PDB file of N, CA and C in Angstrom:
ATOM      1  N   MET A   1      47.208 105.182  13.103  1.00  0.00           N
ATOM      2  CA  MET A   1      46.503 103.901  13.774  1.00  0.00           C
ATOM      3  C   MET A   1      45.723 103.943  13.768  1.00  0.00           C
ATOM      4  N   ASP A   2      44.250 104.097  13.856  1.00  0.00           N
ATOM      5  CA  ASP A   2      43.145 104.192  14.177  1.00  0.00           C
ATOM      6  C   ASP A   2      42.498 103.723  12.894  1.00  0.00           C
ATOM      7  N   ASP A   3      43.060 104.458  11.398  1.00  0.00           N
ATOM      8  CA  ASP A   3      43.096 103.629   9.825  1.00  0.00           C
ATOM      9  C   ASP A   3      43.731 101.797  10.044  1.00  0.00           C
ATOM     10  N   ASP A   4      44.389 102.059  10.691  1.00  0.00           N
ATOM     11  CA  ASP A   4      44.796 100.277  10.694  1.00  0.00           C
ATOM     12  C   ASP A   4      44.269  99.336  11.129  1.00  0.00           C
ATOM     13  N   LEU A   5      43.627 100.107  12.597  1.00  0.00           N
ATOM     14  CA  LEU A   5      42.663  98.809  13.486  1.00  0.00           C
ATOM     15  C   LEU A   5      41.541  98.999  12.712  1.00  0.00           C
ATOM     16  N   SER A   6      40.822 100.076  12.250  1.00  0.00           N
ATOM     17  CA  SER A   6      39.609 100.129  12.032  1.00  0.00           C
ATOM     18  C   SER A   6      39.523  98.992  10.321  1.00  0.00           C
ATOM     19  N   GLU A   7      40.888  99.252   9.726  1.00  0.00           N
ATOM     20  CA  GLU A   7      41.195  97.749   8.465  1.00  0.00           C
ATOM     21  C   GLU A   7      41.272  96.525   8.907  1.00  0.00           C
ATOM     22  N   THR A   8      42.191  96.419   9.287  1.00  0.00           N
ATOM     23  CA  THR A   8      42.487  95.289  10.283  1.00  0.00           C
ATOM     24  C   THR A   8      41.493  94.088  11.009  1.00  0.00           C
ATOM     25  N   LEU A   9      40.255  95.481  10.848  1.00  0.00           N
ATOM     26  CA  LEU A   9      38.668  94.882  12.133  1.00  0.00           C
ATOM     27  C   LEU A   9      37.980  94.575  11.127  1.00  0.00           C
ATOM     28  N   GLU A  10      38.257  94.864  10.037  1.00  0.00           N
ATOM     29  CA  GLU A  10      37.260  95.044   8.783  1.00  0.00           C
ATOM     30  C   GLU A  10      37.022  93.986   8.008  1.00  0.00           C
ATOM     31  N   LYS A  11      38.478  93.514   8.053  1.00  0.00           N
ATOM     32  CA  LYS A  11      39.036  91.965   7.893  1.00  0.00           C
ATOM     33  C   LYS A  11      38.779  90.673   8.191  1.00  0.00           C
ATOM     34  N   CYS A  12      38.544  91.206   9.439  1.00  0.00           N
ATOM     35  CA  CYS A  12      38.139  90.045  10.085  1.00  0.00           C
ATOM     36  C   CYS A  12      36.883  89.992  10.320  1.00  0.00           C
ATOM     37  N   PHE A  13      35.856  90.972  10.099  1.00  0.00           N
ATOM     38  CA  PHE A  13      34.251  90.807  10.310  1.00  0.00           C
ATOM     39  C   PHE A  13      34.733  89.700   8.811  1.00  0.00           C
ATOM     40  N   LYS A  14      35.244  90.796   7.943  1.00  0.00           N
ATOM     41  CA  LYS A  14      34.708  89.885   6.560  1.00  0.00           C
ATOM     42  C   LYS A  14      35.199  88.159   6.918  1.00  0.00           C
ATOM     43  N   ILE A  15      36.391  88.289   6.852  1.00  0.00           N
ATOM     44  CA  ILE A  15      36.665  86.761   7.079  1.00  0.00           C
ATOM     45  C   ILE A  15      35.568  85.323   8.076  1.00  0.00           C
ATOM     46  N   LEU A  16      34.810  86.648   9.348  1.00  0.00           N
ATOM     47  CA  LEU A  16      33.956  85.683   9.861  1.00  0.00           C
ATOM     48  C   LEU A  16      32.290  85.570   8.697  1.00  0.00           C
ATOM     49  N   ASP A  17      32.081  86.781   8.818  1.00  0.00           N
ATOM     50  CA  ASP A  17      31.450  86.596   7.195  1.00  0.00           C
ATOM     51  C   ASP A  17      31.570  85.319   6.222  1.00  0.00           C
ATOM     52  N   GLU A  18      32.088  85.492   5.968  1.00  0.00           N
ATOM     53  CA  GLU A  18      32.745  83.880   5.010  1.00  0.00           C
ATOM     54  C   GLU A  18      32.667  83.377   5.587  1.00  0.00           C
ATOM     55  N   ASN A  19      33.003  82.851   6.851  1.00  0.00           N
ATOM     56  CA  ASN A  19      33.305  81.071   7.547  1.00  0.00           C
ATOM     57  C   ASN A  19      32.006  80.459   7.999  1.00  0.00           C
ATOM     58  N   VAL A  20      30.767  81.852   8.487  1.00  0.00           N
ATOM     59  CA  VAL A  20      29.836  81.692   9.219  1.00  0.00           C
ATOM     60  C   VAL A  20      29.443  80.754   9.094  1.00  0.00           C
ATOM     61  N   ASP A  21      29.083  79.769   7.834  1.00  0.00           N
ATOM     62  CA  ASP A  21      28.482  78.777   6.907  1.00  0.00           C
ATOM     63  C   ASP A  21      29.452  77.481   7.530  1.00  0.00           C
ATOM     64  N   PHE A  22      30.391  77.708   7.758  1.00  0.00           N
ATOM     65  CA  PHE A  22      31.595  76.048   8.023  1.00  0.00           C
ATOM     66  C   PHE A  22      31.477  76.481   9.680  1.00  0.00           C
ATOM     67  N   LEU A  23      31.333  77.146  10.325  1.00  0.00           N
ATOM     68  CA  LEU A  23      31.269  76.953  11.621  1.00  0.00           C
ATOM     69  C   LEU A  23      29.800  76.040  11.816  1.00  0.00           C
ATOM     70  N   GLU A  24      29.215  77.276  11.334  1.00  0.00           N
ATOM     71  CA  GLU A  24      27.778  76.662  12.128  1.00  0.00           C
ATOM     72  C   GLU A  24      27.736  74.880  11.786  1.00  0.00           C
ATOM     73  N   ASN A  25      28.739  74.178  10.156  1.00  0.00           N
ATOM     74  CA  ASN A  25      28.273  73.231  10.236  1.00  0.00           C
ATOM     75  C   ASN A  25      29.533  72.399  10.913  1.00  0.00           C
ATOM     76  N   LEU A  26      30.912  72.719  11.432  1.00  0.00           N
ATOM     77  CA  LEU A  26      31.348  71.966  11.951  1.00  0.00           C
ATOM     78  C   LEU A  26      30.473  71.836  13.384  1.00  0.00           C
ATOM     79  N   GLU A  27      30.222  73.130  14.207  1.00  0.00           N
ATOM     80  CA  GLU A  27      28.942  72.706  15.232  1.00  0.00           C
ATOM     81  C   GLU A  27      28.758  71.828  14.955  1.00  0.00           C
ATOM     82  N   MET A  28      27.074  71.288  13.970  1.00  0.00           N
ATOM     83  CA  MET A  28      26.331  70.539  13.703  1.00  0.00           C
ATOM     84  C   MET A  28      27.341  69.257  13.479  1.00  0.00           C
ATOM     85  N   ASP A  29      28.566  69.217  13.442  1.00  0.00           N
ATOM     86  CA  ASP A  29      29.181  67.599  12.723  1.00  0.00           C
ATOM     87  C   ASP A  29      29.472  67.544  14.476  1.00  0.00           C
ATOM     88  N   LEU A  30      29.697  68.238  15.793  1.00  0.00           N
ATOM     89  CA  LEU A  30      29.990  67.995  16.105  1.00  0.00           C
ATOM     90  C   LEU A  30      29.162  67.123  17.488  1.00  0.00           C
ATOM     91  N   GLU A  31      27.937  67.912  16.592  1.00  0.00           N
ATOM     92  CA  GLU A  31      26.400  67.655  17.810  1.00  0.00           C
ATOM     93  C   GLU A  31      26.617  65.957  17.179  1.00  0.00           C
ATOM     94  N   ASP A  32      26.516  65.809  15.876  1.00  0.00           N
ATOM     95  CA  ASP A  32      26.201  64.155  15.574  1.00  0.00           C
ATOM     96  C   ASP A  32      27.173  63.828  15.865  1.00  0.00           C
ATOM     97  N   ASP A  33      28.490  63.421  16.138  1.00  0.00           N
ATOM     98  CA  ASP A  33      29.429  63.392  16.517  1.00  0.00           C
ATOM     99  C   ASP A  33      29.435  62.163  18.505  1.00  0.00           C
ATOM    100  N   LYS A  34      27.995  63.258  18.876  1.00  0.00           N
ATOM    101  CA  LYS A  34      28.091  62.818  20.195  1.00  0.00           C
ATOM    102  C   LYS A  34      27.066  61.794  20.603  1.00  0.00           C
ATOM    103  N   GLU A  35      26.163  61.540  19.229  1.00  0.00           N
ATOM    104  CA  GLU A  35      24.929  61.128  19.381  1.00  0.00           C
ATOM    105  C   GLU A  35      25.786  58.886  18.471  1.00  0.00           C
ATOM    106  N   ASP A  36      26.674  59.016  18.715  1.00  0.00           N
ATOM    107  CA  ASP A  36      27.199  57.810  17.808  1.00  0.00           C
ATOM    108  C   ASP A  36      27.347  56.930  19.291  1.00  0.00           C
ATOM    109  N   GLU A  37      26.854  55.541  18.728  1.00  0.00           N
ATOM    110  CA  GLU A  37      26.768  54.495  19.861  1.00  0.00           C
ATOM    111  C   GLU A  37      27.851  53.625  19.576  1.00  0.00           C
ATOM    112  N   LEU A  38      28.204  53.301  20.820  1.00  0.00           N
ATOM    113  CA  LEU A  38      29.137  51.050  19.992  1.00  0.00           C
ATOM    114  C   LEU A  38      27.835  50.607  20.376  1.00  0.00           C
ATOM    115  N   VAL A  39      27.500  49.750  19.577  1.00  0.00           N
ATOM    116  CA  VAL A  39      27.128  48.338  19.944  1.00  0.00           C
ATOM    117  C   VAL A  39      27.442  47.225  20.160  1.00  0.00           C
ATOM    118  N   PRO A  40      27.370  46.273  21.949  1.00  0.00           N
ATOM    119  CA  PRO A  40      28.326  46.095  22.811  1.00  0.00           C
ATOM    120  C   PRO A  40      28.911  44.536  21.065  1.00  0.00           C
ATOM    121  N   ASP A  41      27.686  44.205  21.179  1.00  0.00           N
ATOM    122  CA  ASP A  41      28.527  42.240  21.060  1.00  0.00           C
ATOM    123  C   ASP A  41      29.351  43.178  18.735  1.00  0.00           C
ATOM    124  N   MET A  42      29.417  44.451  18.555  1.00  0.00           N
ATOM    125  CA  MET A  42      30.827  44.305  17.899  1.00  0.00           C
ATOM    126  C   MET A  42      31.421  43.269  17.095  1.00  0.00           C
ATOM    127  N   LYS A  43      31.875  43.187  16.622  1.00  0.00           N
ATOM    128  CA  LYS A  43      32.704  42.712  15.457  1.00  0.00           C
ATOM    129  C   LYS A  43      33.507  43.275  15.063  1.00  0.00           C
ATOM    130  N   LEU A  44      34.957  42.827  15.379  1.00  0.00           N
ATOM    131  CA  LEU A  44      36.199  43.346  15.461  1.00  0.00           C
ATOM    132  C   LEU A  44      35.785  44.172  13.881  1.00  0.00           C
ATOM    133  N   HIS A  45      36.098  43.589  12.710  1.00  0.00           N
ATOM    134  CA  HIS A  45      35.790  44.327  11.754  1.00  0.00           C
ATOM    135  C   HIS A  45      35.356  45.065  11.695  1.00  0.00           C
ATOM    136  N   HIS A  46      33.689  45.195  12.439  1.00  0.00           N
ATOM    137  CA  HIS A  46      33.307  46.684  12.631  1.00  0.00           C
ATOM    138  C   HIS A  46      33.398  47.339  13.037  1.00  0.00           C
ATOM    139  N   LEU A  47      34.710  46.961  13.836  1.00  0.00           N
ATOM    140  CA  LEU A  47      35.720  48.760  14.405  1.00  0.00           C
ATOM    141  C   LEU A  47      36.353  48.793  13.697  1.00  0.00           C
ATOM    142  N   LEU A  48      37.048  47.842  13.493  1.00  0.00           N
ATOM    143  CA  LEU A  48      38.096  48.594  12.512  1.00  0.00           C
ATOM    144  C   LEU A  48      37.313  49.280  11.140  1.00  0.00           C
ATOM    145  N   ASP A  49      36.048  49.046  10.445  1.00  0.00           N
ATOM    146  CA  ASP A  49      35.193  49.936   9.655  1.00  0.00           C
ATOM    147  C   ASP A  49      35.522  51.003   9.607  1.00  0.00           C
ATOM    148  N   MET A  50      35.257  51.043  11.933  1.00  0.00           N
ATOM    149  CA  MET A  50      34.497  51.971  12.243  1.00  0.00           C
ATOM    150  C   MET A  50      35.558  53.406  12.066  1.00  0.00           C
ATOM    151  N   THR A  51      36.398  52.452  12.738  1.00  0.00           N
ATOM    152  CA  THR A  51      37.906  52.807  13.079  1.00  0.00           C
ATOM    153  C   THR A  51      38.365  53.752  11.532  1.00  0.00           C
ATOM    154  N   GLN A  52      38.224  53.340  10.300  1.00  0.00           N
ATOM    155  CA  GLN A  52      39.274  53.688   9.402  1.00  0.00           C
ATOM    156  C   GLN A  52      38.033  55.108   8.884  1.00  0.00           C
ATOM    157  N   ASP A  53      36.644  54.952   9.186  1.00  0.00           N
ATOM    158  CA  ASP A  53      35.663  55.949   8.863  1.00  0.00           C
ATOM    159  C   ASP A  53      36.125  56.926   9.977  1.00  0.00           C
ATOM    160  N   VAL A  54      35.960  56.806  10.363  1.00  0.00           N
ATOM    161  CA  VAL A  54      37.027  58.649  11.902  1.00  0.00           C
ATOM    162  C   VAL A  54      38.218  58.756  11.261  1.00  0.00           C
ATOM    163  N   SER A  55      39.051  58.185  10.652  1.00  0.00           N
ATOM    164  CA  SER A  55      40.616  58.604  10.254  1.00  0.00           C
ATOM    165  C   SER A  55      39.858  59.431   8.802  1.00  0.00           C
ATOM    166  N   GLU A  56      39.068  59.090   8.276  1.00  0.00           N
ATOM    167  CA  GLU A  56      38.667  59.448   6.728  1.00  0.00           C
ATOM    168  C   GLU A  56      38.527  60.952   7.468  1.00  0.00           C
ATOM    169  N   SER A  57      37.307  60.975   8.336  1.00  0.00           N
ATOM    170  CA  SER A  57      35.913  61.827   8.430  1.00  0.00           C
ATOM    171  C   SER A  57      37.016  63.132   9.087  1.00  0.00           C
ATOM    172  N   SER A  58      38.115  62.395  10.137  1.00  0.00           N
ATOM    173  CA  SER A  58      39.272  63.258  10.682  1.00  0.00           C
ATOM    174  C   SER A  58      39.955  64.102   9.714  1.00  0.00           C
ATOM    175  N   LYS A  59      40.229  63.799   9.117  1.00  0.00           N
ATOM    176  CA  LYS A  59      41.361  64.086   7.547  1.00  0.00           C
ATOM    177  C   LYS A  59      39.880  65.162   6.437  1.00  0.00           C
ATOM    178  N   ILE A  60      39.217  64.897   6.444  1.00  0.00           N
ATOM    179  CA  ILE A  60      38.733  65.493   5.545  1.00  0.00           C
ATOM    180  C   ILE A  60      37.752  66.641   6.253  1.00  0.00           C
ATOM    181  N   LYS A  61      38.193  66.539   7.865  1.00  0.00           N
ATOM    182  CA  LYS A  61      37.610  67.840   8.367  1.00  0.00           C
ATOM    183  C   LYS A  61      39.144  68.791   8.527  1.00  0.00           C
ATOM    184  N   ARG A  62      40.234  68.220   8.718  1.00  0.00           N
ATOM    185  CA  ARG A  62      41.158  68.641   8.394  1.00  0.00           C
ATOM    186  C   ARG A  62      41.471  69.639   7.447  1.00  0.00           C
ATOM    187  N   ALA A  63      41.125  69.108   6.569  1.00  0.00           N
ATOM    188  CA  ALA A  63      42.085  69.316   5.582  1.00  0.00           C
ATOM    189  C   ALA A  63      40.526  70.839   5.045  1.00  0.00           C
ATOM    190  N   GLU A  64      39.487  70.647   4.986  1.00  0.00           N
ATOM    191  CA  GLU A  64      37.919  71.671   5.118  1.00  0.00           C
ATOM    192  C   GLU A  64      38.843  72.796   5.984  1.00  0.00           C
ATOM    193  N   PHE A  65      39.317  72.759   6.945  1.00  0.00           N
ATOM    194  CA  PHE A  65      39.715  73.724   8.185  1.00  0.00           C
ATOM    195  C   PHE A  65      40.767  74.414   7.280  1.00  0.00           C
ATOM    196  N   ASN A  66      41.992  73.301   6.562  1.00  0.00           N
ATOM    197  CA  ASN A  66      42.828  74.344   6.266  1.00  0.00           C
ATOM    198  C   ASN A  66      43.119  74.765   5.493  1.00  0.00           C
ATOM    199  N   LEU A  67      42.338  74.289   3.928  1.00  0.00           N
ATOM    200  CA  LEU A  67      41.168  75.460   2.923  1.00  0.00           C
ATOM    201  C   LEU A  67      41.378  76.655   3.910  1.00  0.00           C
ATOM    202  N   VAL A  68      39.499  76.616   4.064  1.00  0.00           N
ATOM    203  CA  VAL A  68      39.103  77.865   5.160  1.00  0.00           C
ATOM    204  C   VAL A  68      40.770  78.679   5.564  1.00  0.00           C
ATOM    205  N   ARG A  69      41.103  77.760   6.769  1.00  0.00           N
ATOM    206  CA  ARG A  69      43.064  79.333   6.436  1.00  0.00           C
ATOM    207  C   ARG A  69      43.287  79.545   5.624  1.00  0.00           C
ATOM    208  N   ARG A  70      43.530  78.851   4.396  1.00  0.00           N
ATOM    209  CA  ARG A  70      44.524  79.402   3.681  1.00  0.00           C
ATOM    210  C   ARG A  70      43.467  80.289   3.280  1.00  0.00           C
ATOM    211  N   GLN A  71      42.545  80.104   2.682  1.00  0.00           N
ATOM    212  CA  GLN A  71      41.485  81.860   1.857  1.00  0.00           C
ATOM    213  C   GLN A  71      41.612  82.706   2.864  1.00  0.00           C
ATOM    214  N   ALA A  72      41.635  81.988   3.679  1.00  0.00           N
ATOM    215  CA  ALA A  72      41.762  83.765   4.673  1.00  0.00           C
ATOM    216  C   ALA A  72      42.855  84.782   4.740  1.00  0.00           C
ATOM    217  N   GLU A  73      44.025  84.085   4.973  1.00  0.00           N
ATOM    218  CA  GLU A  73      45.081  84.430   4.881  1.00  0.00           C
ATOM    219  C   GLU A  73      45.270  84.897   3.474  1.00  0.00           C
ATOM    220  N   GLU A  74      44.819  84.554   2.554  1.00  0.00           N
ATOM    221  CA  GLU A  74      45.033  84.721   0.826  1.00  0.00           C
ATOM    222  C   GLU A  74      44.367  86.618   0.501  1.00  0.00           C
ATOM    223  N   SER A  75      43.426  86.626   2.329  1.00  0.00           N
ATOM    224  CA  SER A  75      42.623  87.365   1.437  1.00  0.00           C
ATOM    225  C   SER A  75      43.068  88.713   2.348  1.00  0.00           C
ATOM    226  N   LEU A  76      43.855  88.775   3.316  1.00  0.00           N
ATOM    227  CA  LEU A  76      43.997  89.672   3.870  1.00  0.00           C
ATOM    228  C   LEU A  76      45.395  90.681   3.140  1.00  0.00           C
TER     229      LEU A  76
END
């Protein structure tokens, strides 16, 4: 039983080591998002463009997260 636990812990640490860069980049992306500001006199087409950009960025982040999750599951 202790061997199973130690093996599981080793796998978890390995997964964390492999994904540290991804997690750090995710944290930096979240901090960058806080710096976004709306311009008061923004036109409607600018707001629509910004909405599309945010949507695409969200899809990319979700895809990256799913890729890392699948890779982690495969390595177990």
